[in-house]
Amino acid sequence: MYVNTNSTQVWKRMADENQQSAKYMARISVALAVLLVAVGAYALSAHARYSDLCTTIEIEGSANADSTRAFSESLTSSYCG
């Protein structure tokens, strides 16, 4: 009788520990998913701003004098590729 009671308590404790671990891992997974979405949004935003900058350099460079045009062409060929 004592062995069954002890065994039952051990199994219940193990089940409780497993449940706590599962909840902890679920919280970590949700936090990582939120972080992934935030980093993705930041990357898309940065790419859009970089694209706008390259477009502005191309437009302004083609409308200006030869020295500025050469500089803008070197910028766009080096960084906006």
N, C-alpha and C. Protein backbone atom coordinates (compact mmCIF):
# COMPACT_ATOMS: atom_id res chain seq x y z
N MET A 1 0.81 -1.19 0.00
CA MET A 1 0.00 0.00 0.00
C MET A 1 0.86 1.25 0.00
N TYR A 2 1.90 1.28 0.79
CA TYR A 2 2.78 2.44 0.86
C TYR A 2 3.49 2.67 -0.47
N VAL A 3 3.85 1.59 -1.15
CA VAL A 3 4.55 1.72 -2.43
C VAL A 3 3.64 2.35 -3.48
N ASN A 4 2.40 1.96 -3.51
CA ASN A 4 1.45 2.53 -4.48
C ASN A 4 1.21 4.01 -4.22
N THR A 5 1.08 4.40 -2.98
CA THR A 5 0.86 5.80 -2.63
C THR A 5 2.07 6.63 -3.03
N ASN A 6 3.25 6.15 -2.72
CA ASN A 6 4.47 6.87 -3.06
C ASN A 6 4.63 6.97 -4.57
N SER A 7 4.34 5.88 -5.26
CA SER A 7 4.44 5.88 -6.71
C SER A 7 3.45 6.86 -7.34
N THR A 8 2.25 6.90 -6.80
CA THR A 8 1.24 7.83 -7.31
C THR A 8 1.68 9.28 -7.10
N GLN A 9 2.25 9.56 -5.95
CA GLN A 9 2.72 10.92 -5.68
C GLN A 9 3.87 11.30 -6.60
N VAL A 10 4.76 10.35 -6.86
CA VAL A 10 5.88 10.62 -7.76
C VAL A 10 5.38 10.91 -9.16
N TRP A 11 4.43 10.10 -9.65
CA TRP A 11 3.90 10.31 -10.99
C TRP A 11 3.16 11.65 -11.09
N LYS A 12 2.41 12.00 -10.02
CA LYS A 12 1.71 13.28 -10.04
C LYS A 12 2.70 14.44 -10.05
N ARG A 13 3.76 14.34 -9.27
CA ARG A 13 4.77 15.39 -9.25
C ARG A 13 5.44 15.51 -10.62
N MET A 14 5.75 14.37 -11.23
CA MET A 14 6.36 14.41 -12.57
C MET A 14 5.42 15.04 -13.60
N ALA A 15 4.14 14.70 -13.50
CA ALA A 15 3.15 15.27 -14.43
C ALA A 15 3.04 16.79 -14.23
N ASP A 16 3.05 17.23 -12.98
CA ASP A 16 2.99 18.67 -12.70
C ASP A 16 4.23 19.39 -13.24
N GLU A 17 5.40 18.78 -13.06
CA GLU A 17 6.63 19.38 -13.59
C GLU A 17 6.60 19.44 -15.11
N ASN A 18 6.10 18.39 -15.74
CA ASN A 18 6.00 18.39 -17.21
C ASN A 18 5.02 19.46 -17.70
N GLN A 19 3.93 19.63 -16.97
CA GLN A 19 2.96 20.64 -17.35
C GLN A 19 3.55 22.04 -17.19
N GLN A 20 4.28 22.28 -16.13
CA GLN A 20 4.93 23.58 -15.93
C GLN A 20 5.97 23.84 -17.02
N SER A 21 6.72 22.81 -17.37
CA SER A 21 7.72 22.96 -18.44
C SER A 21 7.05 23.27 -19.77
N ALA A 22 5.93 22.62 -20.05
CA ALA A 22 5.20 22.87 -21.29
C ALA A 22 4.69 24.31 -21.34
N LYS A 23 4.18 24.81 -20.22
CA LYS A 23 3.70 26.20 -20.18
C LYS A 23 4.85 27.17 -20.38
N TYR A 24 5.98 26.89 -19.77
CA TYR A 24 7.16 27.75 -19.90
C TYR A 24 7.64 27.78 -21.35
N MET A 25 7.69 26.62 -21.99
CA MET A 25 8.12 26.55 -23.39
C MET A 25 7.12 27.27 -24.31
N ALA A 26 5.84 27.18 -23.99
CA ALA A 26 4.83 27.89 -24.79
C ALA A 26 5.02 29.39 -24.67
N ARG A 27 5.33 29.87 -23.48
CA ARG A 27 5.58 31.31 -23.31
C ARG A 27 6.81 31.75 -24.09
N ILE A 28 7.85 30.94 -24.04
CA ILE A 28 9.07 31.26 -24.80
C ILE A 28 8.77 31.27 -26.29
N SER A 29 7.98 30.32 -26.77
CA SER A 29 7.64 30.26 -28.19
C SER A 29 6.85 31.50 -28.62
N VAL A 30 5.92 31.92 -27.80
CA VAL A 30 5.13 33.11 -28.13
C VAL A 30 6.02 34.35 -28.15
N ALA A 31 6.91 34.45 -27.18
CA ALA A 31 7.83 35.60 -27.15
C ALA A 31 8.73 35.61 -28.38
N LEU A 32 9.23 34.46 -28.78
CA LEU A 32 10.08 34.40 -29.97
C LEU A 32 9.29 34.72 -31.23
N ALA A 33 8.04 34.29 -31.30
CA ALA A 33 7.21 34.61 -32.46
C ALA A 33 6.97 36.12 -32.56
N VAL A 34 6.70 36.76 -31.43
CA VAL A 34 6.50 38.21 -31.41
C VAL A 34 7.78 38.92 -31.84
N LEU A 35 8.91 38.45 -31.34
CA LEU A 35 10.20 39.03 -31.71
C LEU A 35 10.46 38.85 -33.21
N LEU A 36 10.12 37.70 -33.75
CA LEU A 36 10.30 37.44 -35.18
C LEU A 36 9.46 38.40 -36.02
N VAL A 37 8.22 38.61 -35.62
CA VAL A 37 7.35 39.54 -36.35
C VAL A 37 7.91 40.96 -36.28
N ALA A 38 8.40 41.36 -35.11
CA ALA A 38 8.95 42.71 -34.96
C ALA A 38 10.19 42.90 -35.83
N VAL A 39 11.07 41.92 -35.85
CA VAL A 39 12.28 42.03 -36.67
C VAL A 39 11.92 42.02 -38.15
N GLY A 40 10.96 41.22 -38.55
CA GLY A 40 10.52 41.21 -39.94
C GLY A 40 9.93 42.55 -40.37
N ALA A 41 9.12 43.13 -39.51
CA ALA A 41 8.53 44.44 -39.83
C ALA A 41 9.61 45.50 -39.94
N TYR A 42 10.59 45.45 -39.04
CA TYR A 42 11.69 46.41 -39.11
C TYR A 42 12.50 46.23 -40.40
N ALA A 43 12.75 45.00 -40.79
CA ALA A 43 13.52 44.74 -42.01
C ALA A 43 12.77 45.25 -43.24
N LEU A 44 11.48 45.00 -43.30
CA LEU A 44 10.70 45.50 -44.45
C LEU A 44 10.69 47.03 -44.48
N SER A 45 10.56 47.65 -43.33
CA SER A 45 10.56 49.10 -43.25
C SER A 45 11.92 49.67 -43.68
N ALA A 46 12.99 49.07 -43.21
CA ALA A 46 14.33 49.54 -43.58
C ALA A 46 14.57 49.37 -45.07
N HIS A 47 14.11 48.26 -45.63
CA HIS A 47 14.27 48.03 -47.07
C HIS A 47 13.50 49.07 -47.88
N ALA A 48 12.30 49.39 -47.44
CA ALA A 48 11.50 50.39 -48.16
C ALA A 48 12.17 51.77 -48.11
N ARG A 49 12.70 52.13 -46.94
CA ARG A 49 13.38 53.43 -46.82
C ARG A 49 14.64 53.47 -47.68
N TYR A 50 15.37 52.37 -47.70
CA TYR A 50 16.60 52.29 -48.51
C TYR A 50 16.26 52.38 -49.99
N SER A 51 15.18 51.74 -50.40
CA SER A 51 14.75 51.81 -51.79
C SER A 51 14.34 53.23 -52.16
N ASP A 52 13.64 53.91 -51.26
CA ASP A 52 13.25 55.30 -51.51
C ASP A 52 14.48 56.20 -51.64
N LEU A 53 15.47 55.96 -50.81
CA LEU A 53 16.70 56.75 -50.87
C LEU A 53 17.41 56.55 -52.21
N CYS A 54 17.49 55.31 -52.66
CA CYS A 54 18.14 55.04 -53.94
C CYS A 54 17.38 55.70 -55.10
N THR A 55 16.06 55.63 -55.05
CA THR A 55 15.25 56.27 -56.09
C THR A 55 15.47 57.78 -56.10
N THR A 56 15.52 58.39 -54.94
CA THR A 56 15.75 59.83 -54.84
C THR A 56 17.12 60.20 -55.39
N ILE A 57 18.14 59.42 -55.07
CA ILE A 57 19.49 59.69 -55.57
C ILE A 57 19.52 59.60 -57.10
N GLU A 58 18.84 58.60 -57.66
CA GLU A 58 18.80 58.46 -59.12
C GLU A 58 18.10 59.64 -59.78
N ILE A 59 16.99 60.06 -59.22
CA ILE A 59 16.22 61.17 -59.81
C ILE A 59 16.99 62.48 -59.70
N GLU A 60 17.49 62.77 -58.50
CA GLU A 60 18.22 64.02 -58.30
C GLU A 60 19.53 64.05 -59.10
N GLY A 61 20.18 62.92 -59.20
CA GLY A 61 21.45 62.87 -59.93
C GLY A 61 21.28 63.08 -61.42
N SER A 62 20.20 62.56 -61.97
CA SER A 62 19.99 62.73 -63.40
C SER A 62 19.56 64.14 -63.75
N ALA A 63 19.04 64.88 -62.79
CA ALA A 63 18.56 66.24 -63.06
C ALA A 63 19.64 67.30 -62.83
N ASN A 64 20.79 66.93 -62.27
CA ASN A 64 21.81 67.92 -61.92
C ASN A 64 22.98 67.92 -62.90
N ALA A 65 24.00 68.69 -62.55
CA ALA A 65 25.17 68.87 -63.41
C ALA A 65 25.96 67.57 -63.55
N ASP A 66 26.95 67.60 -64.44
CA ASP A 66 27.72 66.40 -64.76
C ASP A 66 28.47 65.84 -63.56
N SER A 67 29.08 66.70 -62.75
CA SER A 67 29.84 66.19 -61.59
C SER A 67 28.91 65.50 -60.59
N THR A 68 27.74 66.08 -60.37
CA THR A 68 26.78 65.47 -59.47
C THR A 68 26.22 64.19 -60.07
N ARG A 69 26.02 64.19 -61.38
CA ARG A 69 25.50 63.01 -62.06
C ARG A 69 26.48 61.85 -61.94
N ALA A 70 27.76 62.14 -62.10
CA ALA A 70 28.78 61.08 -61.98
C ALA A 70 28.82 60.54 -60.55
N PHE A 71 28.70 61.44 -59.59
CA PHE A 71 28.70 61.00 -58.19
C PHE A 71 27.48 60.14 -57.88
N SER A 72 26.32 60.58 -58.36
CA SER A 72 25.10 59.80 -58.09
C SER A 72 25.12 58.46 -58.80
N GLU A 73 25.71 58.40 -59.98
CA GLU A 73 25.82 57.13 -60.69
C GLU A 73 26.76 56.18 -59.95
N SER A 74 27.84 56.72 -59.40
CA SER A 74 28.74 55.87 -58.63
C SER A 74 28.05 55.35 -57.35
N LEU A 75 27.26 56.21 -56.72
CA LEU A 75 26.52 55.78 -55.52
C LEU A 75 25.52 54.68 -55.86
N THR A 76 24.74 54.90 -56.90
CA THR A 76 23.71 53.91 -57.23
C THR A 76 24.31 52.60 -57.71
N SER A 77 25.42 52.68 -58.45
CA SER A 77 26.03 51.42 -58.90
C SER A 77 26.69 50.67 -57.75
N SER A 78 27.21 51.40 -56.77
CA SER A 78 27.89 50.74 -55.65
C SER A 78 26.92 50.22 -54.59
N TYR A 79 25.87 50.99 -54.29
CA TYR A 79 25.04 50.66 -53.14
C TYR A 79 23.60 50.29 -53.46
N CYS A 80 23.12 50.66 -54.63
CA CYS A 80 21.72 50.42 -54.92
C CYS A 80 21.50 49.29 -55.93
N GLY A 81 22.52 48.75 -56.43
CA GLY A 81 22.61 47.71 -57.40
C GLY A 81 21.49 46.92 -57.79
